[in-house]
C-alpha atoms as a PDB file:
ATOM      1  CA  MET A   1     -16.187 -52.436  -5.683  1.00  0.00           C
ATOM      2  CA  MET A   2     -15.232 -49.383  -3.635  1.00  0.00           C
ATOM      3  CA  SER A   3     -15.736 -45.897  -5.065  1.00  0.00           C
ATOM      4  CA  ALA A   4     -14.453 -42.402  -4.412  1.00  0.00           C
ATOM      5  CA  ARG A   5     -17.631 -41.836  -2.366  1.00  0.00           C
ATOM      6  CA  SER A   6     -16.797 -44.717  -0.010  1.00  0.00           C
ATOM      7  CA  PHE A   7     -13.191 -43.476   0.243  1.00  0.00           C
ATOM      8  CA  GLY A   8     -14.553 -40.049   1.182  1.00  0.00           C
ATOM      9  CA  ALA A   9     -16.800 -41.616   3.830  1.00  0.00           C
ATOM     10  CA  ALA A  10     -13.790 -43.439   5.296  1.00  0.00           C
ATOM     11  CA  LEU A  11     -11.879 -40.161   5.431  1.00  0.00           C
ATOM     12  CA  ASP A  12     -14.869 -38.462   7.093  1.00  0.00           C
ATOM     13  CA  ARG A  13     -14.738 -41.051   9.868  1.00  0.00           C
ATOM     14  CA  ALA A  14     -10.968 -40.571  10.175  1.00  0.00           C
ATOM     15  CA  ARG A  15     -11.431 -36.795  10.302  1.00  0.00           C
ATOM     16  CA  ASP A  16     -14.027 -37.120  13.055  1.00  0.00           C
ATOM     17  CA  VAL A  17     -11.636 -39.209  15.160  1.00  0.00           C
ATOM     18  CA  LEU A  18      -8.800 -36.770  14.469  1.00  0.00           C
ATOM     19  CA  ALA A  19     -11.010 -33.763  15.265  1.00  0.00           C
ATOM     20  CA  ARG A  20     -11.862 -35.180  18.689  1.00  0.00           C
ATOM     21  CA  ALA A  21      -8.145 -35.329  19.471  1.00  0.00           C
ATOM     22  CA  ASP A  22      -7.237 -32.027  17.766  1.00  0.00           C
ATOM     23  CA  PRO A  23      -9.999 -29.878  16.188  1.00  0.00           C
ATOM     24  CA  ASP A  24      -7.512 -27.848  14.144  1.00  0.00           C
ATOM     25  CA  ALA A  25      -5.915 -30.959  12.656  1.00  0.00           C
ATOM     26  CA  GLY A  26      -9.329 -32.380  11.778  1.00  0.00           C
ATOM     27  CA  ALA A  27     -10.236 -29.216   9.891  1.00  0.00           C
ATOM     28  CA  ARG A  28      -6.990 -29.233   7.915  1.00  0.00           C
ATOM     29  CA  ILE A  29      -7.953 -32.376   5.993  1.00  0.00           C
ATOM     30  CA  ASP A  30     -10.209 -30.150   3.902  1.00  0.00           C
ATOM     31  CA  GLN A  31      -7.856 -27.161   3.583  1.00  0.00           C
ATOM     32  CA  PRO A  32      -5.919 -26.846   0.314  1.00  0.00           C
ATOM     33  CA  ILE A  33      -2.291 -27.951   0.243  1.00  0.00           C
ATOM     34  CA  THR A  34      -1.822 -27.166  -3.425  1.00  0.00           C
ATOM     35  CA  LEU A  35      -3.491 -24.642  -5.671  1.00  0.00           C
ATOM     36  CA  ARG A  36      -6.166 -27.195  -6.439  1.00  0.00           C
ATOM     37  CA  MET A  37      -6.362 -30.021  -3.923  1.00  0.00           C
ATOM     38  CA  THR A  38      -6.924 -30.781  -0.255  1.00  0.00           C
ATOM     39  CA  PRO A  39      -5.346 -33.744   1.591  1.00  0.00           C
ATOM     40  CA  ARG A  40      -8.726 -35.503   1.318  1.00  0.00           C
ATOM     41  CA  GLU A  41      -8.799 -35.129  -2.473  1.00  0.00           C
ATOM     42  CA  VAL A  42      -5.208 -36.283  -2.890  1.00  0.00           C
ATOM     43  CA  ALA A  43      -5.794 -39.347  -0.684  1.00  0.00           C
ATOM     44  CA  ILE A  44      -8.960 -40.281  -2.613  1.00  0.00           C
ATOM     45  CA  LEU A  45      -7.214 -39.804  -5.960  1.00  0.00           C
ATOM     46  CA  ARG A  46      -4.392 -42.095  -4.833  1.00  0.00           C
ATOM     47  CA  ALA A  47      -6.819 -44.736  -3.522  1.00  0.00           C
ATOM     48  CA  CYS A  48      -8.735 -44.672  -6.836  1.00  0.00           C
ATOM     49  CA  ASP A  49      -5.535 -45.348  -8.791  1.00  0.00           C
ATOM     50  CA  ALA A  50      -5.915 -48.504 -10.889  1.00  0.00           C
ATOM     51  CA  ARG A  51      -2.641 -49.855  -9.492  1.00  0.00           C
ATOM     52  CA  VAL A  52      -4.081 -49.997  -5.954  1.00  0.00           C
ATOM     53  CA  SER A  53      -5.781 -53.261  -5.084  1.00  0.00           C
ATOM     54  CA  LYS A  54      -9.389 -52.572  -4.144  1.00  0.00           C
ATOM     55  CA  THR A  55      -9.494 -54.860  -1.122  1.00  0.00           C
ATOM     56  CA  PRO A  56     -10.709 -52.938   1.931  1.00  0.00           C
ATOM     57  CA  ALA A  57      -7.412 -53.467   3.758  1.00  0.00           C
ATOM     58  CA  ARG A  58      -5.342 -52.207   0.802  1.00  0.00           C
ATOM     59  CA  VAL A  59      -7.598 -49.183   0.234  1.00  0.00           C
ATOM     60  CA  LEU A  60      -7.436 -48.299   3.917  1.00  0.00           C
ATOM     61  CA  GLN A  61      -3.651 -48.668   3.818  1.00  0.00           C
ATOM     62  CA  SER A  62      -3.510 -46.393   0.751  1.00  0.00           C
ATOM     63  CA  LEU A  63      -5.630 -43.725   2.479  1.00  0.00           C
ATOM     64  CA  LEU A  64      -3.499 -43.885   5.630  1.00  0.00           C
ATOM     65  CA  ASP A  65      -0.253 -43.796   3.633  1.00  0.00           C
ATOM     66  CA  SER A  66      -1.489 -40.789   1.686  1.00  0.00           C
ATOM     67  CA  LEU A  67      -2.444 -38.855   4.810  1.00  0.00           C
ATOM     68  CA  THR A  68       0.872 -39.758   6.427  1.00  0.00           C
ATOM     69  CA  ASP A  69       2.736 -38.485   3.356  1.00  0.00           C
ATOM     70  CA  LEU A  70       0.698 -35.279   3.368  1.00  0.00           C
ATOM     71  CA  LEU A  71       0.913 -34.504   7.089  1.00  0.00           C
ATOM     72  CA  PRO A  72       4.234 -32.628   6.886  1.00  0.00           C
ATOM     73  CA  ILE A  73       2.783 -30.432   4.141  1.00  0.00           C
ATOM     74  CA  ALA A  74      -0.740 -29.939   5.477  1.00  0.00           C
ATOM     75  CA  TRP A  75       0.189 -29.463   9.127  1.00  0.00           C
ATOM     76  CA  ARG A  76       3.198 -27.225   8.622  1.00  0.00           C
ATOM     77  CA  ALA A  77       2.659 -23.722   9.938  1.00  0.00           C
ATOM     78  CA  PRO A  78       2.233 -21.295   7.083  1.00  0.00           C
ATOM     79  CA  ALA A  79       5.380 -19.322   6.382  1.00  0.00           C
ATOM     80  CA  GLN A  80       5.083 -15.662   7.184  1.00  0.00           C
ATOM     81  CA  PRO A  81       5.770 -13.584   4.075  1.00  0.00           C
ATOM     82  CA  ALA A  82       8.942 -11.515   4.235  1.00  0.00           C
ATOM     83  CA  LEU A  83       8.813  -7.786   3.621  1.00  0.00           C
ATOM     84  CA  PRO A  84      11.673  -6.363   1.559  1.00  0.00           C
ATOM     85  CA  TYR A  85      13.907  -4.210   3.757  1.00  0.00           C
ATOM     86  CA  ALA A  86      14.114  -0.499   3.017  1.00  0.00           C
ATOM     87  CA  ALA A  87      15.149   2.223   5.467  1.00  0.00           C
ATOM     88  CA  SER A  88      12.153   4.250   4.273  1.00  0.00           C
ATOM     89  CA  ARG A  89       9.645   1.590   5.393  1.00  0.00           C
ATOM     90  CA  THR A  90       8.093   1.187   8.814  1.00  0.00           C
ATOM     91  CA  PHE A  91       8.429  -2.183  10.550  1.00  0.00           C
ATOM     92  CA  ALA A  92       6.835  -3.619  13.687  1.00  0.00           C
ATOM     93  CA  VAL A  93       7.896  -6.279  16.166  1.00  0.00           C
ATOM     94  CA  GLY A  94       7.196  -9.682  14.644  1.00  0.00           C
ATOM     95  CA  ASP A  95       7.613  -8.590  11.023  1.00  0.00           C
ATOM     96  CA  VAL A  96       9.788 -10.832   8.896  1.00  0.00           C
ATOM     97  CA  ILE A  97      12.083  -8.894   6.590  1.00  0.00           C
ATOM     98  CA  ASP A  98      14.309  -9.830   3.696  1.00  0.00           C
ATOM     99  CA  HIS A  99      17.577  -7.874   3.848  1.00  0.00           C
ATOM    100  CA  PRO A 100      19.910  -7.826   0.809  1.00  0.00           C
ATOM    101  CA  LYS A 101      23.022  -8.516   2.915  1.00  0.00           C
ATOM    102  CA  PHE A 102      21.816 -10.398   6.013  1.00  0.00           C
ATOM    103  CA  GLY A 103      18.984 -12.430   4.466  1.00  0.00           C
ATOM    104  CA  ARG A 104      15.708 -13.210   6.205  1.00  0.00           C
ATOM    105  CA  GLY A 105      15.240 -11.973   9.752  1.00  0.00           C
ATOM    106  CA  LYS A 106      12.572 -11.197  12.313  1.00  0.00           C
ATOM    107  CA  VAL A 107      12.085  -7.795  13.973  1.00  0.00           C
ATOM    108  CA  ILE A 108      12.462  -8.308  17.734  1.00  0.00           C
ATOM    109  CA  ALA A 109      12.436  -4.675  18.932  1.00  0.00           C
ATOM    110  CA  THR A 110      11.692  -1.163  17.679  1.00  0.00           C
ATOM    111  CA  VAL A 111      12.880   2.106  19.184  1.00  0.00           C
ATOM    112  CA  LEU A 112      12.184   5.350  17.340  1.00  0.00           C
ATOM    113  CA  LYS A 113      14.115   5.124  14.053  1.00  0.00           C
ATOM    114  CA  ARG A 114      15.842   1.827  14.808  1.00  0.00           C
ATOM    115  CA  ILE A 115      14.834  -1.819  14.725  1.00  0.00           C
ATOM    116  CA  ASP A 116      16.637  -4.840  16.117  1.00  0.00           C
ATOM    117  CA  VAL A 117      16.382  -7.764  13.718  1.00  0.00           C
ATOM    118  CA  GLU A 118      17.384 -11.327  14.505  1.00  0.00           C
ATOM    119  CA  PHE A 119      19.109 -12.957  11.524  1.00  0.00           C
ATOM    120  CA  ALA A 120      20.750 -16.371  11.221  1.00  0.00           C
ATOM    121  CA  ASP A 121      24.168 -14.803  11.938  1.00  0.00           C
ATOM    122  CA  GLY A 122      22.983 -12.759  14.927  1.00  0.00           C
ATOM    123  CA  THR A 123      21.076  -9.609  15.803  1.00  0.00           C
ATOM    124  CA  HIS A 124      21.615  -6.448  13.793  1.00  0.00           C
ATOM    125  CA  THR A 125      20.305  -2.938  14.389  1.00  0.00           C
ATOM    126  CA  LEU A 126      18.856  -1.306  11.288  1.00  0.00           C
ATOM    127  CA  VAL A 127      17.138   2.005  10.583  1.00  0.00           C
ATOM    128  CA  HIS A 128      13.517   2.366   9.539  1.00  0.00           C
ATOM    129  CA  ALA A 129      10.905   5.082   9.232  1.00  0.00           C
ATOM    130  CA  PRO A 130       9.203   5.418  12.602  1.00  0.00           C
ATOM    131  CA  PRO A 131       5.412   5.060  12.618  1.00  0.00           C
ATOM    132  CA  SER A 132       3.575   8.340  12.116  1.00  0.00           C
ATOM    133  CA  LYS A 133       1.665   9.640  15.092  1.00  0.00           C
END
């Protein structure tokens, strides 16, 4: 009968193959996707489920299905946190801001007391506190 340890060994082999193709992707198997679990742990938990037949082919299929389900979550680029917009704050190019009227936008240029921010509805020029010298 297969155990969580053998499932983990199978995932280690899969990670090694994946890491040869893309080192970053191979490392992400062991990075958390929830507050408590990594893709590896979720896949093992699913494969250990009593409803999954323990034939090698079915276990392998369960592990592959789990990783396929988790790929969009685990491989998605982390969202950059948005800073609340206030004219009294200082922003830099690349900052993501949350504006009460325009929504979420990204600072694309700064000039003295003004910033150009790209929002879904277009670019808007806003004021901000220039960086101190």
